[in-house]
């Protein structure tokens, strides 16, 4: 059985879409796992850490060193910000 060009193109597009979807799912699962790992160590202190998004328009400063935070974490409860 011979596949014509359109069948091959459709198969290639479906493969790429499926691969991109699976990578997206694994990235989301990894982010949840990483977030749980961070929060497991500080759960006794009452902090629940979320990564700071770089695309936010607000200016974020570290509560410890007072420097601009490019990447770090923010407590969902008290809004404390720390850098990596």
PDB file of N, CA and C in Angstrom:
ATOM      1  N   UNK A   1       0.847  -1.176   0.000  1.00  0.00           N
ATOM      2  CA  UNK A   1       0.000   0.000   0.000  1.00  0.00           C
ATOM      3  C   UNK A   1       0.893   1.239   0.000  1.00  0.00           C
ATOM      4  N   UNK A   2       0.648   2.100  -0.908  1.00  0.00           N
ATOM      5  CA  UNK A   2       1.470   3.286  -1.071  1.00  0.00           C
ATOM      6  C   UNK A   2       0.719   4.503  -0.552  1.00  0.00           C
ATOM      7  N   UNK A   3       1.407   5.319   0.251  1.00  0.00           N
ATOM      8  CA  UNK A   3       0.795   6.549   0.772  1.00  0.00           C
ATOM      9  C   UNK A   3       1.077   7.686  -0.201  1.00  0.00           C
ATOM     10  N   UNK A   4       0.077   8.499  -0.455  1.00  0.00           N
ATOM     11  CA  UNK A   4       0.341   9.653  -1.309  1.00  0.00           C
ATOM     12  C   UNK A   4       0.900  10.798  -0.462  1.00  0.00           C
ATOM     13  N   UNK A   5       1.241  11.882  -1.089  1.00  0.00           N
ATOM     14  CA  UNK A   5       1.919  12.998  -0.435  1.00  0.00           C
ATOM     15  C   UNK A   5       1.061  13.601   0.675  1.00  0.00           C
ATOM     16  N   UNK A   6      -0.230  13.708   0.462  1.00  0.00           N
ATOM     17  CA  UNK A   6      -1.110  14.313   1.464  1.00  0.00           C
ATOM     18  C   UNK A   6      -1.241  13.446   2.712  1.00  0.00           C
ATOM     19  N   UNK A   7      -1.256  12.135   2.531  1.00  0.00           N
ATOM     20  CA  UNK A   7      -1.300  11.243   3.692  1.00  0.00           C
ATOM     21  C   UNK A   7      -0.015  11.352   4.511  1.00  0.00           C
ATOM     22  N   UNK A   8       1.119  11.439   3.835  1.00  0.00           N
ATOM     23  CA  UNK A   8       2.390  11.588   4.537  1.00  0.00           C
ATOM     24  C   UNK A   8       2.470  12.930   5.256  1.00  0.00           C
ATOM     25  N   UNK A   9       1.988  13.981   4.609  1.00  0.00           N
ATOM     26  CA  UNK A   9       1.980  15.303   5.232  1.00  0.00           C
ATOM     27  C   UNK A   9       1.075  15.319   6.460  1.00  0.00           C
ATOM     28  N   UNK A  10      -0.093  14.709   6.350  1.00  0.00           N
ATOM     29  CA  UNK A  10      -1.013  14.635   7.486  1.00  0.00           C
ATOM     30  C   UNK A  10      -0.394  13.842   8.634  1.00  0.00           C
ATOM     31  N   UNK A  11       0.252  12.734   8.326  1.00  0.00           N
ATOM     32  CA  UNK A  11       0.896  11.928   9.363  1.00  0.00           C
ATOM     33  C   UNK A  11       2.014  12.714  10.045  1.00  0.00           C
ATOM     34  N   UNK A  12       2.787  13.459   9.274  1.00  0.00           N
ATOM     35  CA  UNK A  12       3.875  14.253   9.852  1.00  0.00           C
ATOM     36  C   UNK A  12       3.333  15.358  10.748  1.00  0.00           C
ATOM     37  N   UNK A  13       2.287  16.043  10.309  1.00  0.00           N
ATOM     38  CA  UNK A  13       1.696  17.121  11.111  1.00  0.00           C
ATOM     39  C   UNK A  13       1.103  16.561  12.397  1.00  0.00           C
ATOM     40  N   UNK A  14       0.398  15.448  12.309  1.00  0.00           N
ATOM     41  CA  UNK A  14      -0.176  14.835  13.514  1.00  0.00           C
ATOM     42  C   UNK A  14       0.916  14.385  14.479  1.00  0.00           C
ATOM     43  N   UNK A  15       2.007  13.862  13.955  1.00  0.00           N
ATOM     44  CA  UNK A  15       3.118  13.455  14.811  1.00  0.00           C
ATOM     45  C   UNK A  15       3.717  14.655  15.536  1.00  0.00           C
ATOM     46  N   UNK A  16       3.918  15.756  14.827  1.00  0.00           N
ATOM     47  CA  UNK A  16       4.485  16.961  15.437  1.00  0.00           C
ATOM     48  C   UNK A  16       3.539  17.519  16.495  1.00  0.00           C
ATOM     49  N   UNK A  17       2.243  17.575  16.199  1.00  0.00           N
ATOM     50  CA  UNK A  17       1.265  18.091  17.162  1.00  0.00           C
ATOM     51  C   UNK A  17       1.220  17.203  18.400  1.00  0.00           C
ATOM     52  N   UNK A  18       1.209  15.897  18.209  1.00  0.00           N
ATOM     53  CA  UNK A  18       1.181  14.968  19.339  1.00  0.00           C
ATOM     54  C   UNK A  18       2.446  15.106  20.189  1.00  0.00           C
ATOM     55  N   UNK A  19       3.602  15.226  19.536  1.00  0.00           N
ATOM     56  CA  UNK A  19       4.863  15.378  20.263  1.00  0.00           C
ATOM     57  C   UNK A  19       4.885  16.673  21.066  1.00  0.00           C
ATOM     58  N   UNK A  20       4.415  17.760  20.468  1.00  0.00           N
ATOM     59  CA  UNK A  20       4.377  19.036  21.184  1.00  0.00           C
ATOM     60  C   UNK A  20       3.419  18.965  22.372  1.00  0.00           C
ATOM     61  N   UNK A  21       2.293  18.301  22.207  1.00  0.00           N
ATOM     62  CA  UNK A  21       1.342  18.152  23.309  1.00  0.00           C
ATOM     63  C   UNK A  21       1.956  17.346  24.448  1.00  0.00           C
ATOM     64  N   UNK A  22       2.640  16.259  24.124  1.00  0.00           N
ATOM     65  CA  UNK A  22       3.253  15.439  25.166  1.00  0.00           C
ATOM     66  C   UNK A  22       4.356  16.208  25.895  1.00  0.00           C
ATOM     67  N   UNK A  23       5.142  16.997  25.178  1.00  0.00           N
ATOM     68  CA  UNK A  23       6.159  17.816  25.834  1.00  0.00           C
ATOM     69  C   UNK A  23       5.523  18.842  26.757  1.00  0.00           C
ATOM     70  N   UNK A  24       4.422  19.433  26.332  1.00  0.00           N
ATOM     71  CA  UNK A  24       3.714  20.405  27.168  1.00  0.00           C
ATOM     72  C   UNK A  24       3.204  19.735  28.443  1.00  0.00           C
ATOM     73  N   UNK A  25       2.638  18.530  28.324  1.00  0.00           N
ATOM     74  CA  UNK A  25       2.142  17.798  29.501  1.00  0.00           C
ATOM     75  C   UNK A  25       3.292  17.489  30.457  1.00  0.00           C
ATOM     76  N   UNK A  26       4.412  17.007  29.945  1.00  0.00           N
ATOM     77  CA  UNK A  26       5.547  16.687  30.810  1.00  0.00           C
ATOM     78  C   UNK A  26       6.109  17.932  31.486  1.00  0.00           C
ATOM     79  N   UNK A  27       6.140  19.069  30.777  1.00  0.00           N
ATOM     80  CA  UNK A  27       6.612  20.312  31.397  1.00  0.00           C
ATOM     81  C   UNK A  27       5.692  20.737  32.533  1.00  0.00           C
ATOM     82  N   UNK A  28       4.378  20.595  32.350  1.00  0.00           N
ATOM     83  CA  UNK A  28       3.432  20.947  33.413  1.00  0.00           C
ATOM     84  C   UNK A  28       3.594  20.020  34.612  1.00  0.00           C
ATOM     85  N   UNK A  29       3.747  18.734  34.359  1.00  0.00           N
ATOM     86  CA  UNK A  29       3.949  17.790  35.463  1.00  0.00           C
ATOM     87  C   UNK A  29       5.255  18.079  36.197  1.00  0.00           C
ATOM     88  N   UNK A  30       6.304  18.416  35.458  1.00  0.00           N
ATOM     89  CA  UNK A  30       7.591  18.748  36.078  1.00  0.00           C
ATOM     90  C   UNK A  30       7.463  20.002  36.930  1.00  0.00           C
ATOM     91  N   UNK A  31       6.717  21.000  36.452  1.00  0.00           N
ATOM     92  CA  UNK A  31       6.541  22.240  37.214  1.00  0.00           C
ATOM     93  C   UNK A  31       5.786  21.970  38.512  1.00  0.00           C
ATOM     94  N   UNK A  32       4.767  21.125  38.458  1.00  0.00           N
ATOM     95  CA  UNK A  32       4.019  20.785  39.671  1.00  0.00           C
ATOM     96  C   UNK A  32       4.918  20.036  40.636  1.00  0.00           C
ATOM     97  N   UNK A  33       5.710  19.105  40.128  1.00  0.00           N
ATOM     98  CA  UNK A  33       6.614  18.339  40.991  1.00  0.00           C
ATOM     99  C   UNK A  33       7.660  19.254  41.622  1.00  0.00           C
ATOM    100  N   UNK A  34       8.212  20.165  40.829  1.00  0.00           N
ATOM    101  CA  UNK A  34       9.221  21.085  41.343  1.00  0.00           C
ATOM    102  C   UNK A  34       8.620  22.001  42.400  1.00  0.00           C
ATOM    103  N   UNK A  35       7.394  22.462  42.170  1.00  0.00           N
ATOM    104  CA  UNK A  35       6.731  23.341  43.134  1.00  0.00           C
ATOM    105  C   UNK A  35       6.474  22.609  44.443  1.00  0.00           C
ATOM    106  N   UNK A  36       6.064  21.342  44.369  1.00  0.00           N
ATOM    107  CA  UNK A  36       5.834  20.568  45.591  1.00  0.00           C
ATOM    108  C   UNK A  36       7.134  20.362  46.351  1.00  0.00           C
ATOM    109  N   UNK A  37       8.226  20.145  45.646  1.00  0.00           N
ATOM    110  CA  UNK A  37       9.520  19.954  46.298  1.00  0.00           C
ATOM    111  C   UNK A  37       9.930  21.208  47.050  1.00  0.00           C
ATOM    112  N   UNK A  38       9.722  22.362  46.445  1.00  0.00           N
ATOM    113  CA  UNK A  38      10.066  23.622  47.100  1.00  0.00           C
ATOM    114  C   UNK A  38       9.204  23.828  48.332  1.00  0.00           C
ATOM    115  N   UNK A  39       7.921  23.564  48.225  1.00  0.00           N
ATOM    116  CA  UNK A  39       7.003  23.838  49.318  1.00  0.00           C
ATOM    117  C   UNK A  39       7.059  22.802  50.431  1.00  0.00           C
ATOM    118  N   UNK A  40       7.551  21.601  50.151  1.00  0.00           N
ATOM    119  CA  UNK A  40       7.671  20.596  51.203  1.00  0.00           C
ATOM    120  C   UNK A  40       8.654  21.034  52.282  1.00  0.00           C
ATOM    121  N   UNK A  41       9.727  21.695  51.891  1.00  0.00           N
ATOM    122  CA  UNK A  41      10.755  22.061  52.863  1.00  0.00           C
ATOM    123  C   UNK A  41      10.361  23.257  53.717  1.00  0.00           C
ATOM    124  N   UNK A  42       9.435  24.080  53.253  1.00  0.00           N
ATOM    125  CA  UNK A  42       9.086  25.288  54.003  1.00  0.00           C
ATOM    126  C   UNK A  42       7.643  25.285  54.493  1.00  0.00           C
ATOM    127  N   UNK A  43       6.990  24.144  54.486  1.00  0.00           N
ATOM    128  CA  UNK A  43       5.584  24.116  54.881  1.00  0.00           C
ATOM    129  C   UNK A  43       5.396  24.409  56.367  1.00  0.00           C
ATOM    130  N   UNK A  44       6.389  24.110  57.200  1.00  0.00           N
ATOM    131  CA  UNK A  44       6.264  24.372  58.633  1.00  0.00           C
ATOM    132  C   UNK A  44       6.307  25.861  58.946  1.00  0.00           C
ATOM    133  N   UNK A  45       6.946  26.652  58.074  1.00  0.00           N
ATOM    134  CA  UNK A  45       7.052  28.093  58.322  1.00  0.00           C
ATOM    135  C   UNK A  45       5.809  28.854  57.874  1.00  0.00           C
ATOM    136  N   UNK A  46       4.902  28.197  57.161  1.00  0.00           N
ATOM    137  CA  UNK A  46       3.691  28.862  56.695  1.00  0.00           C
ATOM    138  C   UNK A  46       3.819  29.499  55.328  1.00  0.00           C
ATOM    139  N   UNK A  47       4.982  29.371  54.696  1.00  0.00           N
ATOM    140  CA  UNK A  47       5.177  29.940  53.363  1.00  0.00           C
ATOM    141  C   UNK A  47       4.756  28.927  52.302  1.00  0.00           C
ATOM    142  N   UNK A  48       4.134  29.430  51.253  1.00  0.00           N
ATOM    143  CA  UNK A  48       3.800  28.602  50.095  1.00  0.00           C
ATOM    144  C   UNK A  48       4.348  29.322  48.875  1.00  0.00           C
ATOM    145  N   UNK A  49       5.457  28.825  48.337  1.00  0.00           N
ATOM    146  CA  UNK A  49       6.224  29.543  47.323  1.00  0.00           C
ATOM    147  C   UNK A  49       5.711  29.281  45.917  1.00  0.00           C
ATOM    148  N   UNK A  50       5.639  30.344  45.132  1.00  0.00           N
ATOM    149  CA  UNK A  50       5.310  30.274  43.709  1.00  0.00           C
ATOM    150  C   UNK A  50       6.426  30.961  42.932  1.00  0.00           C
ATOM    151  N   UNK A  51       6.792  30.415  41.781  1.00  0.00           N
ATOM    152  CA  UNK A  51       7.826  31.075  40.976  1.00  0.00           C
ATOM    153  C   UNK A  51       7.356  32.446  40.504  1.00  0.00           C
ATOM    154  N   UNK A  52       8.278  33.392  40.461  1.00  0.00           N
ATOM    155  CA  UNK A  52       7.963  34.723  39.949  1.00  0.00           C
ATOM    156  C   UNK A  52       8.057  34.676  38.435  1.00  0.00           C
ATOM    157  N   UNK A  53       7.008  35.123  37.785  1.00  0.00           N
ATOM    158  CA  UNK A  53       6.983  35.149  36.326  1.00  0.00           C
ATOM    159  C   UNK A  53       7.782  36.339  35.827  1.00  0.00           C
ATOM    160  N   UNK A  54       8.621  36.134  34.833  1.00  0.00           N
ATOM    161  CA  UNK A  54       9.432  37.219  34.292  1.00  0.00           C
ATOM    162  C   UNK A  54       8.628  38.151  33.407  1.00  0.00           C
ATOM    163  N   UNK A  55       7.475  37.717  32.922  1.00  0.00           N
ATOM    164  CA  UNK A  55       6.702  38.557  32.014  1.00  0.00           C
ATOM    165  C   UNK A  55       5.780  39.527  32.751  1.00  0.00           C
ATOM    166  N   UNK A  56       5.819  39.540  34.064  1.00  0.00           N
ATOM    167  CA  UNK A  56       5.004  40.489  34.815  1.00  0.00           C
ATOM    168  C   UNK A  56       5.583  41.891  34.663  1.00  0.00           C
ATOM    169  N   UNK A  57       4.730  42.899  34.637  1.00  0.00           N
ATOM    170  CA  UNK A  57       5.177  44.270  34.451  1.00  0.00           C
ATOM    171  C   UNK A  57       5.615  44.925  35.766  1.00  0.00           C
ATOM    172  N   UNK A  58       5.326  44.297  36.889  1.00  0.00           N
ATOM    173  CA  UNK A  58       5.696  44.890  38.173  1.00  0.00           C
ATOM    174  C   UNK A  58       7.182  44.667  38.456  1.00  0.00           C
ATOM    175  N   UNK A  59       7.734  45.503  39.301  1.00  0.00           N
ATOM    176  CA  UNK A  59       9.135  45.381  39.687  1.00  0.00           C
ATOM    177  C   UNK A  59       9.209  44.558  40.964  1.00  0.00           C
ATOM    178  N   UNK A  60       9.995  43.501  40.941  1.00  0.00           N
ATOM    179  CA  UNK A  60      10.139  42.613  42.081  1.00  0.00           C
ATOM    180  C   UNK A  60      11.526  42.788  42.687  1.00  0.00           C
ATOM    181  N   UNK A  61      11.557  42.938  44.013  1.00  0.00           N
ATOM    182  CA  UNK A  61      12.818  43.100  44.727  1.00  0.00           C
ATOM    183  C   UNK A  61      12.912  42.050  45.818  1.00  0.00           C
ATOM    184  N   UNK A  62      14.103  41.517  46.002  1.00  0.00           N
ATOM    185  CA  UNK A  62      14.349  40.505  47.019  1.00  0.00           C
ATOM    186  C   UNK A  62      14.175  41.126  48.401  1.00  0.00           C
ATOM    187  N   UNK A  63      13.501  40.415  49.286  1.00  0.00           N
ATOM    188  CA  UNK A  63      13.295  40.909  50.649  1.00  0.00           C
ATOM    189  C   UNK A  63      14.571  40.820  51.475  1.00  0.00           C
ATOM    190  N   UNK A  64      15.504  39.972  51.073  1.00  0.00           N
ATOM    191  CA  UNK A  64      16.739  39.825  51.831  1.00  0.00           C
ATOM    192  C   UNK A  64      17.830  40.780  51.411  1.00  0.00           C
ATOM    193  N   UNK A  65      18.137  40.820  50.120  1.00  0.00           N
ATOM    194  CA  UNK A  65      19.275  41.628  49.653  1.00  0.00           C
ATOM    195  C   UNK A  65      18.851  42.917  48.958  1.00  0.00           C
ATOM    196  N   UNK A  66      17.573  43.156  48.802  1.00  0.00           N
ATOM    197  CA  UNK A  66      17.010  44.386  48.210  1.00  0.00           C
ATOM    198  C   UNK A  66      17.419  44.594  46.749  1.00  0.00           C
ATOM    199  N   UNK A  67      17.854  43.542  46.071  1.00  0.00           N
ATOM    200  CA  UNK A  67      18.217  43.626  44.659  1.00  0.00           C
ATOM    201  C   UNK A  67      17.008  43.254  43.803  1.00  0.00           C
ATOM    202  N   UNK A  68      17.028  43.708  42.546  1.00  0.00           N
ATOM    203  CA  UNK A  68      15.956  43.377  41.609  1.00  0.00           C
ATOM    204  C   UNK A  68      15.953  41.867  41.365  1.00  0.00           C
ATOM    205  N   UNK A  69      14.790  41.247  41.453  1.00  0.00           N
ATOM    206  CA  UNK A  69      14.662  39.809  41.268  1.00  0.00           C
ATOM    207  C   UNK A  69      14.346  39.523  39.803  1.00  0.00           C
ATOM    208  N   UNK A  70      15.265  38.818  39.135  1.00  0.00           N
ATOM    209  CA  UNK A  70      15.026  38.392  37.759  1.00  0.00           C
ATOM    210  C   UNK A  70      14.301  37.059  37.762  1.00  0.00           C
ATOM    211  N   UNK A  71      14.737  36.161  38.624  1.00  0.00           N
ATOM    212  CA  UNK A  71      14.039  34.891  38.802  1.00  0.00           C
ATOM    213  C   UNK A  71      14.110  34.538  40.277  1.00  0.00           C
ATOM    214  N   UNK A  72      13.015  34.053  40.788  1.00  0.00           N
ATOM    215  CA  UNK A  72      12.965  33.714  42.200  1.00  0.00           C
ATOM    216  C   UNK A  72      11.587  33.211  42.571  1.00  0.00           C
ATOM    217  N   UNK A  73      11.225  33.408  43.840  1.00  0.00           N
ATOM    218  CA  UNK A  73       9.964  32.892  44.345  1.00  0.00           C
ATOM    219  C   UNK A  73       9.263  33.938  45.193  1.00  0.00           C
ATOM    220  N   UNK A  74       7.941  33.822  45.242  1.00  0.00           N
ATOM    221  CA  UNK A  74       7.122  34.728  46.035  1.00  0.00           C
ATOM    222  C   UNK A  74       6.183  33.885  46.889  1.00  0.00           C
ATOM    223  N   UNK A  75       6.065  34.247  48.162  1.00  0.00           N
ATOM    224  CA  UNK A  75       5.152  33.540  49.054  1.00  0.00           C
ATOM    225  C   UNK A  75       3.727  33.975  48.736  1.00  0.00           C
ATOM    226  N   UNK A  76       2.832  33.005  48.559  1.00  0.00           N
ATOM    227  CA  UNK A  76       1.436  33.319  48.266  1.00  0.00           C
ATOM    228  C   UNK A  76       0.714  33.885  49.480  1.00  0.00           C
ATOM    229  N   UNK A  77       1.216  33.613  50.679  1.00  0.00           N
ATOM    230  CA  UNK A  77       0.540  34.079  51.889  1.00  0.00           C
ATOM    231  C   UNK A  77       0.950  35.490  52.288  1.00  0.00           C
ATOM    232  N   UNK A  78       2.253  35.771  52.323  1.00  0.00           N
ATOM    233  CA  UNK A  78       2.721  37.060  52.842  1.00  0.00           C
ATOM    234  C   UNK A  78       3.390  37.942  51.783  1.00  0.00           C
ATOM    235  N   UNK A  79       3.473  37.474  50.526  1.00  0.00           N
ATOM    236  CA  UNK A  79       4.066  38.214  49.406  1.00  0.00           C
ATOM    237  C   UNK A  79       5.558  38.486  49.577  1.00  0.00           C
ATOM    238  N   UNK A  80       6.227  37.727  50.435  1.00  0.00           N
ATOM    239  CA  UNK A  80       7.673  37.805  50.587  1.00  0.00           C
ATOM    240  C   UNK A  80       8.318  37.314  49.298  1.00  0.00           C
ATOM    241  N   UNK A  81       9.328  38.026  48.818  1.00  0.00           N
ATOM    242  CA  UNK A  81      10.009  37.656  47.577  1.00  0.00           C
ATOM    243  C   UNK A  81      11.466  37.332  47.867  1.00  0.00           C
ATOM    244  N   UNK A  82      11.961  36.245  47.269  1.00  0.00           N
ATOM    245  CA  UNK A  82      13.359  35.853  47.412  1.00  0.00           C
ATOM    246  C   UNK A  82      13.900  35.461  46.045  1.00  0.00           C
ATOM    247  N   UNK A  83      15.221  35.651  45.872  1.00  0.00           N
ATOM    248  CA  UNK A  83      15.828  35.241  44.608  1.00  0.00           C
ATOM    249  C   UNK A  83      16.431  33.857  44.752  1.00  0.00           C
ATOM    250  N   UNK A  84      16.894  33.337  43.631  1.00  0.00           N
ATOM    251  CA  UNK A  84      17.504  32.008  43.654  1.00  0.00           C
ATOM    252  C   UNK A  84      18.843  32.118  44.310  1.00  0.00           C
TER     253      UNK A  84
END
